[in-house]
C-alpha atoms as a PDB file:
ATOM      1  CA  MET A   1      99.726 -22.130  92.417  1.00  0.00           C
ATOM      2  CA  SER A   2     101.221 -25.313  91.320  1.00  0.00           C
ATOM      3  CA  SER A   3     104.771 -25.739  92.012  1.00  0.00           C
ATOM      4  CA  VAL A   4     105.774 -26.607  88.512  1.00  0.00           C
ATOM      5  CA  ARG A   5     104.366 -22.698  87.637  1.00  0.00           C
ATOM      6  CA  ARG A   6     106.680 -20.924  90.591  1.00  0.00           C
ATOM      7  CA  PHE A   7     109.471 -22.712  89.182  1.00  0.00           C
ATOM      8  CA  PHE A   8     108.626 -21.457  85.559  1.00  0.00           C
ATOM      9  CA  LEU A   9     108.194 -18.371  86.740  1.00  0.00           C
ATOM     10  CA  SER A  10     110.909 -17.830  89.015  1.00  0.00           C
ATOM     11  CA  LEU A  11     113.512 -19.063  85.878  1.00  0.00           C
ATOM     12  CA  VAL A  12     111.578 -16.579  83.873  1.00  0.00           C
ATOM     13  CA  ALA A  13     112.743 -13.323  86.230  1.00  0.00           C
ATOM     14  CA  LEU A  14     116.494 -15.132  86.647  1.00  0.00           C
ATOM     15  CA  THR A  15     117.022 -14.771  82.641  1.00  0.00           C
ATOM     16  CA  ILE A  16     115.453 -11.388  82.839  1.00  0.00           C
ATOM     17  CA  LEU A  17     118.317 -10.088  85.938  1.00  0.00           C
ATOM     18  CA  GLY A  18     121.066 -12.200  84.388  1.00  0.00           C
ATOM     19  CA  CYS A  19     121.810 -15.582  86.177  1.00  0.00           C
ATOM     20  CA  GLY A  20     125.857 -14.524  86.031  1.00  0.00           C
ATOM     21  CA  GLY A  21     124.694 -11.259  88.394  1.00  0.00           C
ATOM     22  CA  GLY A  22     125.309  -8.958  85.360  1.00  0.00           C
ATOM     23  CA  ASP A  23     123.543  -5.787  84.939  1.00  0.00           C
ATOM     24  CA  LEU A  24     120.857  -5.310  82.905  1.00  0.00           C
ATOM     25  CA  THR A  25     120.839  -3.153  80.263  1.00  0.00           C
ATOM     26  CA  ILE A  26     118.437  -1.707  78.204  1.00  0.00           C
ATOM     27  CA  PRO A  27     119.921   0.107  74.896  1.00  0.00           C
ATOM     28  CA  THR A  28     118.935   3.369  73.567  1.00  0.00           C
ATOM     29  CA  THR A  29     118.734   5.289  70.179  1.00  0.00           C
ATOM     30  CA  GLY A  30     117.970   8.001  68.402  1.00  0.00           C
ATOM     31  CA  GLY A  31     115.164   8.218  65.673  1.00  0.00           C
ATOM     32  CA  ASP A  32     118.256   7.595  63.387  1.00  0.00           C
ATOM     33  CA  GLY A  33     119.586   4.610  65.375  1.00  0.00           C
ATOM     34  CA  SER A  34     122.699   6.752  66.186  1.00  0.00           C
ATOM     35  CA  GLY A  35     122.796   6.990  69.596  1.00  0.00           C
ATOM     36  CA  GLY A  36     120.986   9.667  70.868  1.00  0.00           C
ATOM     37  CA  SER A  37     122.143  13.313  70.112  1.00  0.00           C
ATOM     38  CA  GLY A  38     125.750  12.949  71.219  1.00  0.00           C
ATOM     39  CA  GLY A  39     126.166  15.898  72.969  1.00  0.00           C
ATOM     40  CA  ASN A  40     125.673  19.557  72.122  1.00  0.00           C
ATOM     41  CA  ASP A  41     122.163  19.799  70.405  1.00  0.00           C
ATOM     42  CA  ASN A  42     123.074  22.827  68.801  1.00  0.00           C
ATOM     43  CA  PRO A  43     126.617  23.217  67.920  1.00  0.00           C
ATOM     44  CA  ALA A  44     126.546  26.375  65.833  1.00  0.00           C
ATOM     45  CA  GLY A  45     124.461  28.220  68.145  1.00  0.00           C
ATOM     46  CA  SER A  46     127.595  29.829  70.502  1.00  0.00           C
ATOM     47  CA  ALA A  47     129.509  32.652  69.637  1.00  0.00           C
ATOM     48  CA  ALA A  48     132.732  32.149  67.398  1.00  0.00           C
ATOM     49  CA  ASN A  49     133.753  35.553  65.538  1.00  0.00           C
ATOM     50  CA  VAL A  50     133.481  39.362  65.403  1.00  0.00           C
ATOM     51  CA  GLU A  51     133.804  41.573  62.866  1.00  0.00           C
ATOM     52  CA  PRO A  52     133.286  45.221  62.159  1.00  0.00           C
ATOM     53  CA  VAL A  53     129.841  46.702  60.794  1.00  0.00           C
ATOM     54  CA  GLU A  54     130.528  50.250  60.901  1.00  0.00           C
ATOM     55  CA  GLY A  55     132.532  53.341  62.162  1.00  0.00           C
ATOM     56  CA  GLU A  56     135.869  52.507  60.697  1.00  0.00           C
ATOM     57  CA  ALA A  57     138.640  55.285  59.572  1.00  0.00           C
ATOM     58  CA  GLN A  58     136.453  58.316  60.356  1.00  0.00           C
ATOM     59  CA  MET A  59     137.485  61.861  61.125  1.00  0.00           C
ATOM     60  CA  ALA A  60     136.253  64.426  63.361  1.00  0.00           C
ATOM     61  CA  ALA A  61     137.449  67.300  65.330  1.00  0.00           C
ATOM     62  CA  ALA A  62     139.331  66.780  68.743  1.00  0.00           C
ATOM     63  CA  GLY A  63     137.097  67.043  71.493  1.00  0.00           C
ATOM     64  CA  THR A  64     133.926  66.030  68.868  1.00  0.00           C
ATOM     65  CA  GLU A  65     132.173  62.858  68.574  1.00  0.00           C
ATOM     66  CA  VAL A  66     132.663  60.707  65.820  1.00  0.00           C
ATOM     67  CA  GLY A  67     129.963  60.529  63.079  1.00  0.00           C
ATOM     68  CA  VAL A  68     129.435  56.766  63.354  1.00  0.00           C
ATOM     69  CA  PRO A  69     129.690  54.953  66.546  1.00  0.00           C
ATOM     70  CA  PRO A  70     131.904  52.148  65.828  1.00  0.00           C
ATOM     71  CA  GLY A  71     129.839  48.640  66.101  1.00  0.00           C
ATOM     72  CA  VAL A  72     130.405  44.911  65.751  1.00  0.00           C
ATOM     73  CA  ARG A  73     128.802  41.914  64.927  1.00  0.00           C
ATOM     74  CA  VAL A  74     129.062  38.568  66.424  1.00  0.00           C
ATOM     75  CA  THR A  75     128.673  35.329  64.849  1.00  0.00           C
ATOM     76  CA  GLY A  76     128.650  31.699  65.325  1.00  0.00           C
ATOM     77  CA  ALA A  77     130.519  29.339  63.619  1.00  0.00           C
ATOM     78  CA  LEU A  78     128.467  29.012  60.450  1.00  0.00           C
ATOM     79  CA  GLY A  79     127.861  32.529  60.229  1.00  0.00           C
ATOM     80  CA  GLN A  80     124.273  33.508  61.899  1.00  0.00           C
ATOM     81  CA  PRO A  81     124.276  36.020  64.122  1.00  0.00           C
ATOM     82  CA  VAL A  82     124.128  35.561  68.440  1.00  0.00           C
ATOM     83  CA  ALA A  83     122.501  37.678  70.453  1.00  0.00           C
ATOM     84  CA  ASP A  84     123.100  38.841  74.143  1.00  0.00           C
ATOM     85  CA  TYR A  85     126.889  38.379  73.667  1.00  0.00           C
ATOM     86  CA  GLU A  86     128.237  40.991  75.991  1.00  0.00           C
ATOM     87  CA  VAL A  87     131.384  43.045  74.216  1.00  0.00           C
ATOM     88  CA  THR A  88     133.169  45.733  75.565  1.00  0.00           C
ATOM     89  CA  PHE A  89     134.404  49.130  73.704  1.00  0.00           C
ATOM     90  CA  VAL A  90     138.386  50.563  75.232  1.00  0.00           C
ATOM     91  CA  VAL A  91     139.833  53.534  74.136  1.00  0.00           C
ATOM     92  CA  THR A  92     143.549  52.815  73.881  1.00  0.00           C
ATOM     93  CA  GLY A  93     144.401  55.629  71.979  1.00  0.00           C
ATOM     94  CA  GLY A  94     144.474  59.679  71.531  1.00  0.00           C
ATOM     95  CA  GLY A  95     142.609  60.305  75.207  1.00  0.00           C
ATOM     96  CA  GLY A  96     139.237  60.376  73.862  1.00  0.00           C
ATOM     97  CA  THR A  97     136.412  59.192  75.825  1.00  0.00           C
ATOM     98  CA  LEU A  98     133.200  56.736  75.472  1.00  0.00           C
ATOM     99  CA  LEU A  99     129.181  56.818  76.440  1.00  0.00           C
ATOM    100  CA  ASN A 100     128.282  53.172  77.023  1.00  0.00           C
ATOM    101  CA  PRO A 101     131.075  51.677  76.870  1.00  0.00           C
ATOM    102  CA  THR A 102     129.810  48.077  77.323  1.00  0.00           C
ATOM    103  CA  ARG A 103     126.796  46.926  74.914  1.00  0.00           C
ATOM    104  CA  THR A 104     125.487  43.378  74.542  1.00  0.00           C
ATOM    105  CA  THR A 105     124.542  42.385  70.628  1.00  0.00           C
ATOM    106  CA  ASP A 106     121.206  42.715  69.754  1.00  0.00           C
ATOM    107  CA  SER A 107     118.973  40.080  67.978  1.00  0.00           C
ATOM    108  CA  ASP A 108     121.355  40.682  64.320  1.00  0.00           C
ATOM    109  CA  GLY A 109     124.931  39.931  66.566  1.00  0.00           C
ATOM    110  CA  ILE A 110     125.550  43.762  66.647  1.00  0.00           C
ATOM    111  CA  ALA A 111     126.275  45.545  69.658  1.00  0.00           C
ATOM    112  CA  GLN A 112     127.475  49.538  69.056  1.00  0.00           C
ATOM    113  CA  VAL A 113     128.978  51.866  71.340  1.00  0.00           C
ATOM    114  CA  GLY A 114     126.992  54.827  72.163  1.00  0.00           C
ATOM    115  CA  SER A 115     129.218  57.471  71.325  1.00  0.00           C
ATOM    116  CA  TRP A 116     132.523  58.199  70.765  1.00  0.00           C
ATOM    117  CA  THR A 117     134.097  61.564  71.231  1.00  0.00           C
ATOM    118  CA  LEU A 118     138.088  62.101  70.115  1.00  0.00           C
ATOM    119  CA  GLY A 119     141.228  63.096  71.901  1.00  0.00           C
ATOM    120  CA  SER A 120     143.835  64.769  71.274  1.00  0.00           C
ATOM    121  CA  PRO A 121     144.619  65.849  67.316  1.00  0.00           C
ATOM    122  CA  GLY A 122     145.977  63.289  65.975  1.00  0.00           C
ATOM    123  CA  PRO A 123     145.681  59.038  65.615  1.00  0.00           C
ATOM    124  CA  ASN A 124     143.104  57.919  68.084  1.00  0.00           C
ATOM    125  CA  THR A 125     142.316  54.098  68.752  1.00  0.00           C
ATOM    126  CA  LEU A 126     139.574  52.440  70.363  1.00  0.00           C
ATOM    127  CA  GLU A 127     138.953  48.729  70.399  1.00  0.00           C
ATOM    128  CA  ALA A 128     135.853  46.268  70.752  1.00  0.00           C
ATOM    129  CA  ARG A 129     136.951  43.006  73.080  1.00  0.00           C
ATOM    130  CA  ALA A 130     134.776  40.516  72.707  1.00  0.00           C
ATOM    131  CA  GLY A 131     136.570  37.617  75.175  1.00  0.00           C
ATOM    132  CA  SER A 132     138.274  34.651  73.174  1.00  0.00           C
ATOM    133  CA  LEU A 133     136.282  34.836  69.640  1.00  0.00           C
ATOM    134  CA  LYS A 134     138.227  34.716  66.440  1.00  0.00           C
ATOM    135  CA  GLY A 135     138.459  38.587  65.414  1.00  0.00           C
ATOM    136  CA  SER A 136     138.701  39.944  68.920  1.00  0.00           C
ATOM    137  CA  PRO A 137     139.620  43.063  69.591  1.00  0.00           C
ATOM    138  CA  VAL A 138     138.705  44.531  66.622  1.00  0.00           C
ATOM    139  CA  VAL A 139     140.343  47.927  65.993  1.00  0.00           C
ATOM    140  CA  PHE A 140     138.750  50.994  65.513  1.00  0.00           C
ATOM    141  CA  GLN A 141     140.974  53.873  63.666  1.00  0.00           C
ATOM    142  CA  ALA A 142     140.096  57.683  63.561  1.00  0.00           C
ATOM    143  CA  THR A 143     141.949  60.980  63.309  1.00  0.00           C
ATOM    144  CA  ALA A 144     141.335  63.894  65.217  1.00  0.00           C
ATOM    145  CA  VAL A 145     141.717  67.062  63.959  1.00  0.00           C
ATOM    146  CA  SER A 146     142.302  70.351  65.645  1.00  0.00           C
ATOM    147  CA  THR A 147     140.100  73.236  64.243  1.00  0.00           C
ATOM    148  CA  ALA A 148     143.075  75.712  64.799  1.00  0.00           C
ATOM    149  CA  ASP A 149     144.059  74.589  61.315  1.00  0.00           C
ATOM    150  CA  VAL A 150     140.979  75.960  59.923  1.00  0.00           C
ATOM    151  CA  ASP A 151     142.396  79.363  58.627  1.00  0.00           C
ATOM    152  CA  HIS A 152     139.797  80.721  56.530  1.00  0.00           C
ATOM    153  CA  PHE A 153     136.216  80.303  54.723  1.00  0.00           C
ATOM    154  CA  VAL A 154     136.109  79.694  50.852  1.00  0.00           C
ATOM    155  CA  PHE A 155     132.393  79.909  48.942  1.00  0.00           C
ATOM    156  CA  VAL A 156     133.383  76.853  46.776  1.00  0.00           C
ATOM    157  CA  VAL A 157     129.891  77.588  44.891  1.00  0.00           C
ATOM    158  CA  GLN A 158     128.795  81.300  44.789  1.00  0.00           C
ATOM    159  CA  PRO A 159     125.385  82.576  44.882  1.00  0.00           C
ATOM    160  CA  LYS A 160     124.186  84.129  41.175  1.00  0.00           C
ATOM    161  CA  GLY A 161     121.009  86.313  40.154  1.00  0.00           C
ATOM    162  CA  VAL A 162     117.470  84.738  40.586  1.00  0.00           C
ATOM    163  CA  LYS A 163     114.339  85.108  41.041  1.00  0.00           C
ATOM    164  CA  VAL A 164     112.305  86.532  44.321  1.00  0.00           C
ATOM    165  CA  ASN A 165     112.160  82.772  46.458  1.00  0.00           C
ATOM    166  CA  GLU A 166     114.020  80.921  44.110  1.00  0.00           C
ATOM    167  CA  LEU A 167     116.134  78.990  46.146  1.00  0.00           C
ATOM    168  CA  GLN A 168     120.080  78.316  44.972  1.00  0.00           C
ATOM    169  CA  THR A 169     122.712  76.235  46.154  1.00  0.00           C
ATOM    170  CA  LEU A 170     125.549  77.375  48.056  1.00  0.00           C
ATOM    171  CA  GLN A 171     128.831  75.821  49.508  1.00  0.00           C
ATOM    172  CA  VAL A 172     131.508  77.051  52.127  1.00  0.00           C
ATOM    173  CA  ALA A 173     134.516  75.020  52.590  1.00  0.00           C
ATOM    174  CA  MET A 174     136.815  75.525  55.266  1.00  0.00           C
ATOM    175  CA  VAL A 175     140.328  75.806  54.347  1.00  0.00           C
ATOM    176  CA  ASP A 176     144.438  76.048  55.967  1.00  0.00           C
ATOM    177  CA  ALA A 177     146.340  78.438  55.285  1.00  0.00           C
ATOM    178  CA  ALA A 178     147.589  76.984  51.791  1.00  0.00           C
ATOM    179  CA  GLY A 179     143.721  76.653  50.744  1.00  0.00           C
ATOM    180  CA  ASN A 180     143.430  72.862  51.518  1.00  0.00           C
ATOM    181  CA  VAL A 181     139.821  71.866  52.471  1.00  0.00           C
ATOM    182  CA  ILE A 182     139.819  71.266  56.241  1.00  0.00           C
ATOM    183  CA  PRO A 183     137.907  68.023  55.805  1.00  0.00           C
ATOM    184  CA  LEU A 184     136.304  67.871  59.335  1.00  0.00           C
ATOM    185  CA  SER A 185     132.438  67.199  59.620  1.00  0.00           C
ATOM    186  CA  GLY A 186     129.467  68.452  61.815  1.00  0.00           C
ATOM    187  CA  ILE A 187     131.063  72.054  62.009  1.00  0.00           C
ATOM    188  CA  GLU A 188     128.300  74.541  62.081  1.00  0.00           C
ATOM    189  CA  ILE A 189     128.404  77.117  59.754  1.00  0.00           C
ATOM    190  CA  TYR A 190     126.127  80.267  59.387  1.00  0.00           C
ATOM    191  CA  LEU A 191     125.124  82.543  56.767  1.00  0.00           C
ATOM    192  CA  GLY A 192     123.935  86.420  56.847  1.00  0.00           C
ATOM    193  CA  LEU A 193     122.208  88.483  54.148  1.00  0.00           C
ATOM    194  CA  PHE A 194     123.580  91.703  53.478  1.00  0.00           C
ATOM    195  CA  HIS A 195     121.243  94.405  51.324  1.00  0.00           C
ATOM    196  CA  LEU A 196     123.831  96.587  49.088  1.00  0.00           C
ATOM    197  CA  VAL A 197     121.590  99.888  49.167  1.00  0.00           C
ATOM    198  CA  ARG A 198     123.916 102.050  47.807  1.00  0.00           C
ATOM    199  CA  PRO A 199     127.405 101.379  47.123  1.00  0.00           C
ATOM    200  CA  GLY A 200     129.221 101.498  49.951  1.00  0.00           C
ATOM    201  CA  GLN A 201     126.706 101.149  52.403  1.00  0.00           C
ATOM    202  CA  GLU A 202     124.545  97.425  53.327  1.00  0.00           C
ATOM    203  CA  VAL A 203     122.181  96.444  55.887  1.00  0.00           C
ATOM    204  CA  ALA A 204     121.679  93.136  57.393  1.00  0.00           C
ATOM    205  CA  ASN A 205     118.079  91.570  56.238  1.00  0.00           C
ATOM    206  CA  ASN A 206     118.352  87.845  57.366  1.00  0.00           C
ATOM    207  CA  ASP A 207     114.456  88.348  57.850  1.00  0.00           C
ATOM    208  CA  ARG A 208     114.915  88.602  53.960  1.00  0.00           C
ATOM    209  CA  LEU A 209     115.934  85.086  53.674  1.00  0.00           C
ATOM    210  CA  VAL A 210     113.943  81.997  52.185  1.00  0.00           C
ATOM    211  CA  GLY A 211     115.011  78.424  53.847  1.00  0.00           C
ATOM    212  CA  ASP A 212     117.553  77.290  56.692  1.00  0.00           C
ATOM    213  CA  ARG A 213     120.700  79.450  56.937  1.00  0.00           C
ATOM    214  CA  PHE A 214     122.403  76.733  59.184  1.00  0.00           C
ATOM    215  CA  ALA A 215     124.175  73.743  57.838  1.00  0.00           C
ATOM    216  CA  ARG A 216     127.002  71.450  59.204  1.00  0.00           C
ATOM    217  CA  THR A 217     129.952  70.584  57.576  1.00  0.00           C
ATOM    218  CA  ASP A 218     130.409  67.248  55.701  1.00  0.00           C
ATOM    219  CA  LYS A 219     134.317  66.776  55.060  1.00  0.00           C
ATOM    220  CA  GLY A 220     134.864  70.151  55.320  1.00  0.00           C
ATOM    221  CA  VAL A 221     132.228  71.621  53.149  1.00  0.00           C
ATOM    222  CA  ALA A 222     128.726  73.179  54.534  1.00  0.00           C
ATOM    223  CA  THR A 223     126.077  72.894  51.521  1.00  0.00           C
ATOM    224  CA  PHE A 224     122.615  75.652  51.832  1.00  0.00           C
ATOM    225  CA  SER A 225     119.562  75.708  50.092  1.00  0.00           C
ATOM    226  CA  LEU A 226     118.639  79.179  50.319  1.00  0.00           C
ATOM    227  CA  GLY A 227     116.515  82.020  48.501  1.00  0.00           C
ATOM    228  CA  VAL A 228     115.752  85.772  48.815  1.00  0.00           C
ATOM    229  CA  SER A 229     111.715  87.344  49.402  1.00  0.00           C
ATOM    230  CA  LYS A 230     112.789  91.102  47.699  1.00  0.00           C
ATOM    231  CA  VAL A 231     114.204  92.686  44.754  1.00  0.00           C
ATOM    232  CA  GLY A 232     117.325  93.982  45.652  1.00  0.00           C
ATOM    233  CA  SER A 233     120.927  93.593  45.349  1.00  0.00           C
ATOM    234  CA  TYR A 234     122.867  91.154  48.091  1.00  0.00           C
ATOM    235  CA  ARG A 235     125.503  89.308  49.066  1.00  0.00           C
ATOM    236  CA  PHE A 236     126.643  86.532  52.394  1.00  0.00           C
ATOM    237  CA  ARG A 237     128.830  86.452  55.220  1.00  0.00           C
ATOM    238  CA  ALA A 238     129.821  83.083  56.662  1.00  0.00           C
ATOM    239  CA  LEU A 239     130.157  82.678  60.399  1.00  0.00           C
ATOM    240  CA  SER A 240     130.618  80.106  62.961  1.00  0.00           C
ATOM    241  CA  ASP A 241     130.870  79.631  66.905  1.00  0.00           C
ATOM    242  CA  ASP A 242     132.512  76.542  66.674  1.00  0.00           C
ATOM    243  CA  LEU A 243     135.762  77.205  65.890  1.00  0.00           C
ATOM    244  CA  PRO A 244     136.969  79.446  68.545  1.00  0.00           C
ATOM    245  CA  GLU A 245     140.188  79.153  67.671  1.00  0.00           C
ATOM    246  CA  ALA A 246     139.831  81.203  64.375  1.00  0.00           C
ATOM    247  CA  GLY A 247     138.136  83.869  66.265  1.00  0.00           C
ATOM    248  CA  PRO A 248     134.691  84.784  68.169  1.00  0.00           C
ATOM    249  CA  HIS A 249     132.124  84.091  64.890  1.00  0.00           C
ATOM    250  CA  GLY A 250     134.406  82.151  62.867  1.00  0.00           C
ATOM    251  CA  PRO A 251     137.867  83.148  60.498  1.00  0.00           C
ATOM    252  CA  GLU A 252     138.601  86.396  60.723  1.00  0.00           C
ATOM    253  CA  PRO A 253     138.517  88.893  58.207  1.00  0.00           C
ATOM    254  CA  TYR A 254     134.688  87.810  57.708  1.00  0.00           C
ATOM    255  CA  LEU A 255     134.259  86.089  54.478  1.00  0.00           C
ATOM    256  CA  PHE A 256     131.368  87.538  52.106  1.00  0.00           C
ATOM    257  CA  SER A 257     130.461  85.986  48.953  1.00  0.00           C
ATOM    258  CA  ARG A 258     130.632  88.086  45.420  1.00  0.00           C
ATOM    259  CA  PRO A 259     127.410  90.224  44.905  1.00  0.00           C
ATOM    260  CA  PHE A 260     124.172  88.854  43.069  1.00  0.00           C
ATOM    261  CA  ASN A 261     120.943  90.317  42.248  1.00  0.00           C
ATOM    262  CA  VAL A 262     116.983  88.822  43.210  1.00  0.00           C
ATOM    263  CA  TYR A 263     114.912  90.305  40.494  1.00  0.00           C
END
């Protein structure tokens, strides 16, 4: 290689490296020429908010579970659901208990406590805690009602004359001493069928019932759909084993419906 050629290559190398001793800088740009991602590739992907989705303002008997376990939704800054975020549920009033109090959100961003059993009669509160997210803690309130408030039952829908095996709707409500419905859900009430053989004599005949004679109250009222398989005169009796304060099988004296005929 000639001395001229060697001199030329050395000059090119010095030009690339920078004769003044400066560093060589190779700029990079994103596809839009902005200079790369500039930080978080998904700025809306992290959790930002938490809000209630179900289980607010419920009522149940003291010592029993609420009908709907409280649940919350965790979302990002743009409102999209965030999965796998840990939420802790904590009883803050009433002395109730929880099943599975620590949950992680599902693909819809929802975390729901396993169950909430209310404590002492009166206000009960529960918090869903989701770190420093906006909306945390989410507060749930429920009212625990003492079953001792139930004074008696009433047939709010009485039986009527029907054909053999024809179903009819019956309703029994739990009320206090003043006749106000106690709006407790989940209390089991069951009906017994009595055949009026002759005046002053009746015989229990539950085997003649058509349909389910057991029903749970919804806001204090139990609804039945029942029929009778044989002709005759009958009446129903309402009972419950879920009200120990009111007697071994419900409020005493026991509630009977008015008589009705099956033809």
